[in-house]
PDB file of N, CA and C in Angstrom:
ATOM      1  N   MET A   1       1.105  14.945   0.207  1.00  0.00           N
ATOM      2  CA  MET A   1       1.594  13.587   0.328  1.00  0.00           C
ATOM      3  C   MET A   1       0.461  12.577   0.133  1.00  0.00           C
ATOM      4  N   ARG A   2      -0.719  12.884   0.661  1.00  0.00           N
ATOM      5  CA  ARG A   2      -1.864  11.983   0.537  1.00  0.00           C
ATOM      6  C   ARG A   2      -2.239  11.820  -0.930  1.00  0.00           C
ATOM      7  N   ALA A   3      -2.159  12.903  -1.700  1.00  0.00           N
ATOM      8  CA  ALA A   3      -2.492  12.825  -3.130  1.00  0.00           C
ATOM      9  C   ALA A   3      -1.529  11.884  -3.855  1.00  0.00           C
ATOM     10  N   GLU A   4      -0.252  11.930  -3.501  1.00  0.00           N
ATOM     11  CA  GLU A   4       0.737  11.047  -4.131  1.00  0.00           C
ATOM     12  C   GLU A   4       0.455   9.588  -3.761  1.00  0.00           C
ATOM     13  N   LEU A   5       0.114   9.329  -2.508  1.00  0.00           N
ATOM     14  CA  LEU A   5      -0.218   7.965  -2.087  1.00  0.00           C
ATOM     15  C   LEU A   5      -1.476   7.470  -2.798  1.00  0.00           C
ATOM     16  N   ASP A   6      -2.473   8.339  -2.916  1.00  0.00           N
ATOM     17  CA  ASP A   6      -3.702   7.961  -3.621  1.00  0.00           C
ATOM     18  C   ASP A   6      -3.417   7.622  -5.083  1.00  0.00           C
ATOM     19  N   GLU A   7      -2.524   8.390  -5.711  1.00  0.00           N
ATOM     20  CA  GLU A   7      -2.157   8.126  -7.106  1.00  0.00           C
ATOM     21  C   GLU A   7      -1.431   6.787  -7.220  1.00  0.00           C
ATOM     22  N   LYS A   8      -0.548   6.504  -6.282  1.00  0.00           N
ATOM     23  CA  LYS A   8       0.168   5.224  -6.302  1.00  0.00           C
ATOM     24  C   LYS A   8      -0.809   4.060  -6.107  1.00  0.00           C
ATOM     25  N   LEU A   9      -1.772   4.220  -5.204  1.00  0.00           N
ATOM     26  CA  LEU A   9      -2.776   3.172  -5.007  1.00  0.00           C
ATOM     27  C   LEU A   9      -3.602   2.970  -6.268  1.00  0.00           C
ATOM     28  N   ARG A  10      -3.897   4.052  -6.974  1.00  0.00           N
ATOM     29  CA  ARG A  10      -4.648   3.946  -8.235  1.00  0.00           C
ATOM     30  C   ARG A  10      -3.844   3.149  -9.262  1.00  0.00           C
ATOM     31  N   ILE A  11      -2.547   3.417  -9.340  1.00  0.00           N
ATOM     32  CA  ILE A  11      -1.692   2.686 -10.280  1.00  0.00           C
ATOM     33  C   ILE A  11      -1.645   1.208  -9.902  1.00  0.00           C
ATOM     34  N   VAL A  12      -1.507   0.924  -8.611  1.00  0.00           N
ATOM     35  CA  VAL A  12      -1.502  -0.475  -8.152  1.00  0.00           C
ATOM     36  C   VAL A  12      -2.814  -1.143  -8.535  1.00  0.00           C
ATOM     37  N   GLN A  13      -3.934  -0.455  -8.296  1.00  0.00           N
ATOM     38  CA  GLN A  13      -5.250  -1.006  -8.629  1.00  0.00           C
ATOM     39  C   GLN A  13      -5.361  -1.297 -10.126  1.00  0.00           C
ATOM     40  N   ASP A  14      -4.879  -0.359 -10.941  1.00  0.00           N
ATOM     41  CA  ASP A  14      -4.953  -0.533 -12.395  1.00  0.00           C
ATOM     42  C   ASP A  14      -4.120  -1.713 -12.886  1.00  0.00           C
ATOM     43  N   ARG A  15      -3.054  -2.035 -12.164  1.00  0.00           N
ATOM     44  CA  ARG A  15      -2.142  -3.097 -12.600  1.00  0.00           C
ATOM     45  C   ARG A  15      -2.126  -4.273 -11.636  1.00  0.00           C
ATOM     46  N   ILE A  16      -3.213  -4.455 -10.902  1.00  0.00           N
ATOM     47  CA  ILE A  16      -3.280  -5.493  -9.876  1.00  0.00           C
ATOM     48  C   ILE A  16      -3.102  -6.896 -10.456  1.00  0.00           C
ATOM     49  N   ASP A  17      -3.559  -7.115 -11.670  1.00  0.00           N
ATOM     50  CA  ASP A  17      -3.437  -8.441 -12.294  1.00  0.00           C
ATOM     51  C   ASP A  17      -1.998  -8.782 -12.666  1.00  0.00           C
ATOM     52  N   ASP A  18      -1.118  -7.782 -12.699  1.00  0.00           N
ATOM     53  CA  ASP A  18       0.287  -8.017 -13.015  1.00  0.00           C
ATOM     54  C   ASP A  18       1.037  -8.685 -11.863  1.00  0.00           C
ATOM     55  N   ARG A  19       0.451  -8.634 -10.659  1.00  0.00           N
ATOM     56  CA  ARG A  19       1.051  -9.232  -9.454  1.00  0.00           C
ATOM     57  C   ARG A  19       2.494  -8.759  -9.252  1.00  0.00           C
ATOM     58  N   GLN A  20       2.671  -7.460  -9.319  1.00  0.00           N
ATOM     59  CA  GLN A  20       3.987  -6.882  -9.100  1.00  0.00           C
ATOM     60  C   GLN A  20       4.242  -6.735  -7.595  1.00  0.00           C
ATOM     61  N   GLU A  21       5.483  -6.945  -7.197  1.00  0.00           N
ATOM     62  CA  GLU A  21       5.843  -6.812  -5.789  1.00  0.00           C
ATOM     63  C   GLU A  21       5.932  -5.337  -5.418  1.00  0.00           C
ATOM     64  N   ILE A  22       5.326  -5.001  -4.278  1.00  0.00           N
ATOM     65  CA  ILE A  22       5.404  -3.638  -3.768  1.00  0.00           C
ATOM     66  C   ILE A  22       5.758  -3.686  -2.284  1.00  0.00           C
ATOM     67  N   SER A  23       6.246  -2.550  -1.786  1.00  0.00           N
ATOM     68  CA  SER A  23       6.528  -2.397  -0.364  1.00  0.00           C
ATOM     69  C   SER A  23       5.652  -1.266   0.152  1.00  0.00           C
ATOM     70  N   ILE A  24       4.928  -1.552   1.234  1.00  0.00           N
ATOM     71  CA  ILE A  24       4.056  -0.558   1.847  1.00  0.00           C
ATOM     72  C   ILE A  24       4.512  -0.354   3.283  1.00  0.00           C
ATOM     73  N   THR A  25       4.825   0.893   3.629  1.00  0.00           N
ATOM     74  CA  THR A  25       5.176   1.233   5.004  1.00  0.00           C
ATOM     75  C   THR A  25       3.959   1.902   5.630  1.00  0.00           C
ATOM     76  N   TYR A  26       3.592   1.413   6.811  1.00  0.00           N
ATOM     77  CA  TYR A  26       2.402   1.942   7.474  1.00  0.00           C
ATOM     78  C   TYR A  26       2.584   1.922   8.984  1.00  0.00           C
ATOM     79  N   PHE A  27       1.746   2.682   9.668  1.00  0.00           N
ATOM     80  CA  PHE A  27       1.784   2.742  11.128  1.00  0.00           C
ATOM     81  C   PHE A  27       0.806   1.720  11.684  1.00  0.00           C
ATOM     82  N   GLN A  28       1.292   0.911  12.612  1.00  0.00           N
ATOM     83  CA  GLN A  28       0.427  -0.074  13.271  1.00  0.00           C
ATOM     84  C   GLN A  28       0.314   0.316  14.742  1.00  0.00           C
ATOM     85  N   PRO A  29      -0.861   0.839  15.146  1.00  0.00           N
ATOM     86  CA  PRO A  29      -1.039   1.239  16.540  1.00  0.00           C
ATOM     87  C   PRO A  29      -0.928   0.040  17.488  1.00  0.00           C
ATOM     88  N   ASP A  30      -0.421   0.305  18.689  1.00  0.00           N
ATOM     89  CA  ASP A  30      -0.347  -0.720  19.727  1.00  0.00           C
ATOM     90  C   ASP A  30      -1.723  -0.823  20.384  1.00  0.00           C
ATOM     91  N   ASP A  31      -2.272  -2.041  20.453  1.00  0.00           N
ATOM     92  CA  ASP A  31      -3.608  -2.243  21.022  1.00  0.00           C
ATOM     93  C   ASP A  31      -3.640  -2.063  22.535  1.00  0.00           C
ATOM     94  N   LYS A  32      -2.499  -2.207  23.206  1.00  0.00           N
ATOM     95  CA  LYS A  32      -2.477  -2.202  24.668  1.00  0.00           C
ATOM     96  C   LYS A  32      -2.039  -0.892  25.281  1.00  0.00           C
ATOM     97  N   LYS A  33      -1.350  -0.046  24.512  1.00  0.00           N
ATOM     98  CA  LYS A  33      -0.895   1.230  25.053  1.00  0.00           C
ATOM     99  C   LYS A  33      -0.781   2.250  23.931  1.00  0.00           C
ATOM    100  N   ASP A  34      -0.535   3.506  24.306  1.00  0.00           N
ATOM    101  CA  ASP A  34      -0.331   4.551  23.304  1.00  0.00           C
ATOM    102  C   ASP A  34       0.909   4.242  22.485  1.00  0.00           C
ATOM    103  N   GLY A  35       0.900   4.671  21.246  1.00  0.00           N
ATOM    104  CA  GLY A  35       2.044   4.458  20.370  1.00  0.00           C
ATOM    105  C   GLY A  35       1.799   3.325  19.405  1.00  0.00           C
ATOM    106  N   GLY A  36       2.885   2.791  18.901  1.00  0.00           N
ATOM    107  CA  GLY A  36       2.808   1.715  17.927  1.00  0.00           C
ATOM    108  C   GLY A  36       4.129   1.597  17.211  1.00  0.00           C
ATOM    109  N   ALA A  37       4.111   1.038  16.021  1.00  0.00           N
ATOM    110  CA  ALA A  37       5.337   0.823  15.264  1.00  0.00           C
ATOM    111  C   ALA A  37       5.081   1.021  13.778  1.00  0.00           C
ATOM    112  N   TYR A  38       6.135   1.400  13.083  1.00  0.00           N
ATOM    113  CA  TYR A  38       6.066   1.485  11.634  1.00  0.00           C
ATOM    114  C   TYR A  38       6.486   0.135  11.067  1.00  0.00           C
ATOM    115  N   ILE A  39       5.662  -0.408  10.199  1.00  0.00           N
ATOM    116  CA  ILE A  39       5.864  -1.733   9.615  1.00  0.00           C
ATOM    117  C   ILE A  39       6.000  -1.563   8.104  1.00  0.00           C
ATOM    118  N   THR A  40       6.889  -2.335   7.495  1.00  0.00           N
ATOM    119  CA  THR A  40       6.971  -2.375   6.033  1.00  0.00           C
ATOM    120  C   THR A  40       6.606  -3.781   5.582  1.00  0.00           C
ATOM    121  N   ALA A  41       5.546  -3.867   4.801  1.00  0.00           N
ATOM    122  CA  ALA A  41       5.091  -5.145   4.239  1.00  0.00           C
ATOM    123  C   ALA A  41       5.492  -5.167   2.772  1.00  0.00           C
ATOM    124  N   THR A  42       6.094  -6.279   2.357  1.00  0.00           N
ATOM    125  CA  THR A  42       6.498  -6.435   0.965  1.00  0.00           C
ATOM    126  C   THR A  42       5.826  -7.670   0.387  1.00  0.00           C
ATOM    127  N   GLY A  43       5.239  -7.521  -0.779  1.00  0.00           N
ATOM    128  CA  GLY A  43       4.574  -8.634  -1.437  1.00  0.00           C
ATOM    129  C   GLY A  43       3.678  -8.129  -2.550  1.00  0.00           C
ATOM    130  N   CYS A  44       2.759  -8.973  -2.952  1.00  0.00           N
ATOM    131  CA  CYS A  44       1.821  -8.633  -4.020  1.00  0.00           C
ATOM    132  C   CYS A  44       0.460  -8.282  -3.422  1.00  0.00           C
ATOM    133  N   VAL A  45      -0.189  -7.308  -4.035  1.00  0.00           N
ATOM    134  CA  VAL A  45      -1.515  -6.893  -3.588  1.00  0.00           C
ATOM    135  C   VAL A  45      -2.557  -7.805  -4.223  1.00  0.00           C
ATOM    136  N   LYS A  46      -3.437  -8.343  -3.379  1.00  0.00           N
ATOM    137  CA  LYS A  46      -4.542  -9.172  -3.865  1.00  0.00           C
ATOM    138  C   LYS A  46      -5.702  -8.288  -4.319  1.00  0.00           C
ATOM    139  N   LYS A  47      -6.026  -7.291  -3.476  1.00  0.00           N
ATOM    140  CA  LYS A  47      -7.088  -6.349  -3.838  1.00  0.00           C
ATOM    141  C   LYS A  47      -7.001  -5.117  -2.955  1.00  0.00           C
ATOM    142  N   ILE A  48      -7.640  -4.061  -3.425  1.00  0.00           N
ATOM    143  CA  ILE A  48      -7.800  -2.848  -2.637  1.00  0.00           C
ATOM    144  C   ILE A  48      -9.282  -2.733  -2.348  1.00  0.00           C
ATOM    145  N   ASP A  49      -9.628  -2.870  -1.076  1.00  0.00           N
ATOM    146  CA  ASP A  49     -11.031  -2.855  -0.649  1.00  0.00           C
ATOM    147  C   ASP A  49     -11.411  -1.427  -0.281  1.00  0.00           C
ATOM    148  N   GLU A  50     -12.104  -0.751  -1.202  1.00  0.00           N
ATOM    149  CA  GLU A  50     -12.510   0.633  -0.995  1.00  0.00           C
ATOM    150  C   GLU A  50     -13.530   0.765   0.140  1.00  0.00           C
ATOM    151  N   TYR A  51     -14.394  -0.217   0.295  1.00  0.00           N
ATOM    152  CA  TYR A  51     -15.423  -0.162   1.335  1.00  0.00           C
ATOM    153  C   TYR A  51     -14.794  -0.243   2.727  1.00  0.00           C
ATOM    154  N   GLU A  52     -13.901  -1.216   2.930  1.00  0.00           N
ATOM    155  CA  GLU A  52     -13.249  -1.398   4.228  1.00  0.00           C
ATOM    156  C   GLU A  52     -12.034  -0.489   4.388  1.00  0.00           C
ATOM    157  N   ARG A  53     -11.605   0.147   3.272  1.00  0.00           N
ATOM    158  CA  ARG A  53     -10.448   1.048   3.268  1.00  0.00           C
ATOM    159  C   ARG A  53      -9.167   0.338   3.691  1.00  0.00           C
ATOM    160  N   VAL A  54      -8.945  -0.858   3.089  1.00  0.00           N
ATOM    161  CA  VAL A  54      -7.731  -1.629   3.359  1.00  0.00           C
ATOM    162  C   VAL A  54      -7.130  -2.141   2.057  1.00  0.00           C
ATOM    163  N   VAL A  55      -5.820  -2.336   2.099  1.00  0.00           N
ATOM    164  CA  VAL A  55      -5.107  -3.021   1.028  1.00  0.00           C
ATOM    165  C   VAL A  55      -4.926  -4.449   1.520  1.00  0.00           C
ATOM    166  N   VAL A  56      -5.394  -5.408   0.741  1.00  0.00           N
ATOM    167  CA  VAL A  56      -5.278  -6.822   1.110  1.00  0.00           C
ATOM    168  C   VAL A  56      -4.134  -7.426   0.304  1.00  0.00           C
ATOM    169  N   MET A  57      -3.144  -7.945   1.024  1.00  0.00           N
ATOM    170  CA  MET A  57      -1.992  -8.552   0.375  1.00  0.00           C
ATOM    171  C   MET A  57      -2.293 -10.021   0.078  1.00  0.00           C
ATOM    172  N   VAL A  58      -1.524 -10.630  -0.820  1.00  0.00           N
ATOM    173  CA  VAL A  58      -1.713 -12.028  -1.190  1.00  0.00           C
ATOM    174  C   VAL A  58      -1.562 -12.941   0.039  1.00  0.00           C
ATOM    175  N   ASP A  59      -0.672 -12.560   0.969  1.00  0.00           N
ATOM    176  CA  ASP A  59      -0.464 -13.379   2.168  1.00  0.00           C
ATOM    177  C   ASP A  59      -1.566 -13.212   3.216  1.00  0.00           C
ATOM    178  N   GLY A  60      -2.576 -12.381   2.921  1.00  0.00           N
ATOM    179  CA  GLY A  60      -3.704 -12.197   3.826  1.00  0.00           C
ATOM    180  C   GLY A  60      -3.609 -10.967   4.712  1.00  0.00           C
ATOM    181  N   ALA A  61      -2.459 -10.312   4.743  1.00  0.00           N
ATOM    182  CA  ALA A  61      -2.305  -9.110   5.557  1.00  0.00           C
ATOM    183  C   ALA A  61      -3.246  -8.020   5.053  1.00  0.00           C
ATOM    184  N   LYS A  62      -3.851  -7.303   6.003  1.00  0.00           N
ATOM    185  CA  LYS A  62      -4.737  -6.184   5.671  1.00  0.00           C
ATOM    186  C   LYS A  62      -4.115  -4.910   6.220  1.00  0.00           C
ATOM    187  N   ILE A  63      -3.870  -3.969   5.323  1.00  0.00           N
ATOM    188  CA  ILE A  63      -3.213  -2.725   5.683  1.00  0.00           C
ATOM    189  C   ILE A  63      -4.211  -1.582   5.549  1.00  0.00           C
ATOM    190  N   PRO A  64      -4.514  -0.905   6.673  1.00  0.00           N
ATOM    191  CA  PRO A  64      -5.449   0.226   6.606  1.00  0.00           C
ATOM    192  C   PRO A  64      -4.889   1.351   5.737  1.00  0.00           C
ATOM    193  N   ILE A  65      -5.651   1.786   4.762  1.00  0.00           N
ATOM    194  CA  ILE A  65      -5.202   2.818   3.827  1.00  0.00           C
ATOM    195  C   ILE A  65      -4.828   4.105   4.563  1.00  0.00           C
ATOM    196  N   GLU A  66      -5.568   4.467   5.606  1.00  0.00           N
ATOM    197  CA  GLU A  66      -5.299   5.704   6.340  1.00  0.00           C
ATOM    198  C   GLU A  66      -3.967   5.675   7.069  1.00  0.00           C
ATOM    199  N   GLU A  67      -3.427   4.489   7.325  1.00  0.00           N
ATOM    200  CA  GLU A  67      -2.174   4.357   8.069  1.00  0.00           C
ATOM    201  C   GLU A  67      -0.949   4.273   7.165  1.00  0.00           C
ATOM    202  N   ILE A  68      -1.153   4.207   5.838  1.00  0.00           N
ATOM    203  CA  ILE A  68      -0.031   4.088   4.902  1.00  0.00           C
ATOM    204  C   ILE A  68       0.713   5.413   4.821  1.00  0.00           C
ATOM    205  N   ILE A  69       2.059   5.320   4.930  1.00  0.00           N
ATOM    206  CA  ILE A  69       2.873   6.537   4.817  1.00  0.00           C
ATOM    207  C   ILE A  69       3.776   6.510   3.588  1.00  0.00           C
ATOM    208  N   GLU A  70       4.004   5.310   3.009  1.00  0.00           N
ATOM    209  CA  GLU A  70       4.869   5.221   1.838  1.00  0.00           C
ATOM    210  C   GLU A  70       4.560   3.947   1.055  1.00  0.00           C
ATOM    211  N   ILE A  71       4.622   4.057  -0.274  1.00  0.00           N
ATOM    212  CA  ILE A  71       4.448   2.899  -1.159  1.00  0.00           C
ATOM    213  C   ILE A  71       5.568   2.952  -2.192  1.00  0.00           C
ATOM    214  N   ASN A  72       6.305   1.849  -2.303  1.00  0.00           N
ATOM    215  CA  ASN A  72       7.394   1.766  -3.280  1.00  0.00           C
ATOM    216  C   ASN A  72       7.217   0.520  -4.131  1.00  0.00           C
ATOM    217  N   ALA A  73       7.489   0.674  -5.418  1.00  0.00           N
ATOM    218  CA  ALA A  73       7.420  -0.469  -6.335  1.00  0.00           C
ATOM    219  C   ALA A  73       8.123  -0.100  -7.628  1.00  0.00           C
ATOM    220  N   GLU A  74       8.661  -1.101  -8.276  1.00  0.00           N
ATOM    221  CA  GLU A  74       9.305  -0.908  -9.563  1.00  0.00           C
ATOM    222  C   GLU A  74       8.297  -0.415 -10.604  1.00  0.00           C
ATOM    223  N   LEU A  75       7.048  -0.809 -10.458  1.00  0.00           N
ATOM    224  CA  LEU A  75       6.031  -0.434 -11.452  1.00  0.00           C
ATOM    225  C   LEU A  75       5.818   1.070 -11.535  1.00  0.00           C
ATOM    226  N   PHE A  76       6.154   1.822 -10.485  1.00  0.00           N
ATOM    227  CA  PHE A  76       5.996   3.278 -10.547  1.00  0.00           C
ATOM    228  C   PHE A  76       7.006   3.908 -11.491  1.00  0.00           C
ATOM    229  N   ASN A  77       8.137   3.253 -11.684  1.00  0.00           N
ATOM    230  CA  ASN A  77       9.131   3.741 -12.636  1.00  0.00           C
ATOM    231  C   ASN A  77       8.665   3.543 -14.073  1.00  0.00           C
ATOM    232  N   ASP A  78       7.723   2.625 -14.270  1.00  0.00           N
ATOM    233  CA  ASP A  78       7.205   2.322 -15.604  1.00  0.00           C
ATOM    234  C   ASP A  78       5.911   3.075 -15.923  1.00  0.00           C
ATOM    235  N   ALA A  79       5.444   3.882 -15.017  1.00  0.00           N
ATOM    236  CA  ALA A  79       4.132   4.519 -15.162  1.00  0.00           C
ATOM    237  C   ALA A  79       4.227   5.833 -15.940  1.00  0.00           C
ATOM    238  N   ASP A  80       4.873   5.775 -17.091  1.00  0.00           N
ATOM    239  CA  ASP A  80       4.971   6.944 -17.982  1.00  0.00           C
ATOM    240  C   ASP A  80       5.556   8.162 -17.285  1.00  0.00           C
ATOM    241  N   GLY A  81       6.459   7.911 -16.327  1.00  0.00           N
ATOM    242  CA  GLY A  81       7.115   9.013 -15.639  1.00  0.00           C
ATOM    243  C   GLY A  81       6.230   9.763 -14.680  1.00  0.00           C
ATOM    244  N   ILE A  82       5.058   9.222 -14.360  1.00  0.00           N
ATOM    245  CA  ILE A  82       4.138   9.899 -13.452  1.00  0.00           C
ATOM    246  C   ILE A  82       4.747  10.007 -12.066  1.00  0.00           C
ATOM    247  N   LEU A  83       5.279   8.910 -11.577  1.00  0.00           N
ATOM    248  CA  LEU A  83       5.857   8.874 -10.233  1.00  0.00           C
ATOM    249  C   LEU A  83       7.237   8.243 -10.294  1.00  0.00           C
ATOM    250  N   VAL A  84       8.080   8.687  -9.438  1.00  0.00           N
ATOM    251  CA  VAL A  84       9.418   8.082  -9.364  1.00  0.00           C
ATOM    252  C   VAL A  84       9.755   7.835  -7.917  1.00  0.00           C
TER     253      VAL A  84
END
């Protein structure tokens, strides 16, 4: 599963200038107690920061790459059948 997510992030990075809308589902730990919640952020990716290991959305949201569990976008259907 991690390999598929890494491939999707690579495709997003390659087409970042296209400003395509994507949905990223990730786990957000609770700062005050054990547990957390699954969040889905939808929008355009501004950049993927390899050093900080976060996806930065246009709205300023920072999504930790290690917490991502799913990435969906129309652009994956156009990626020469690599991902669906």
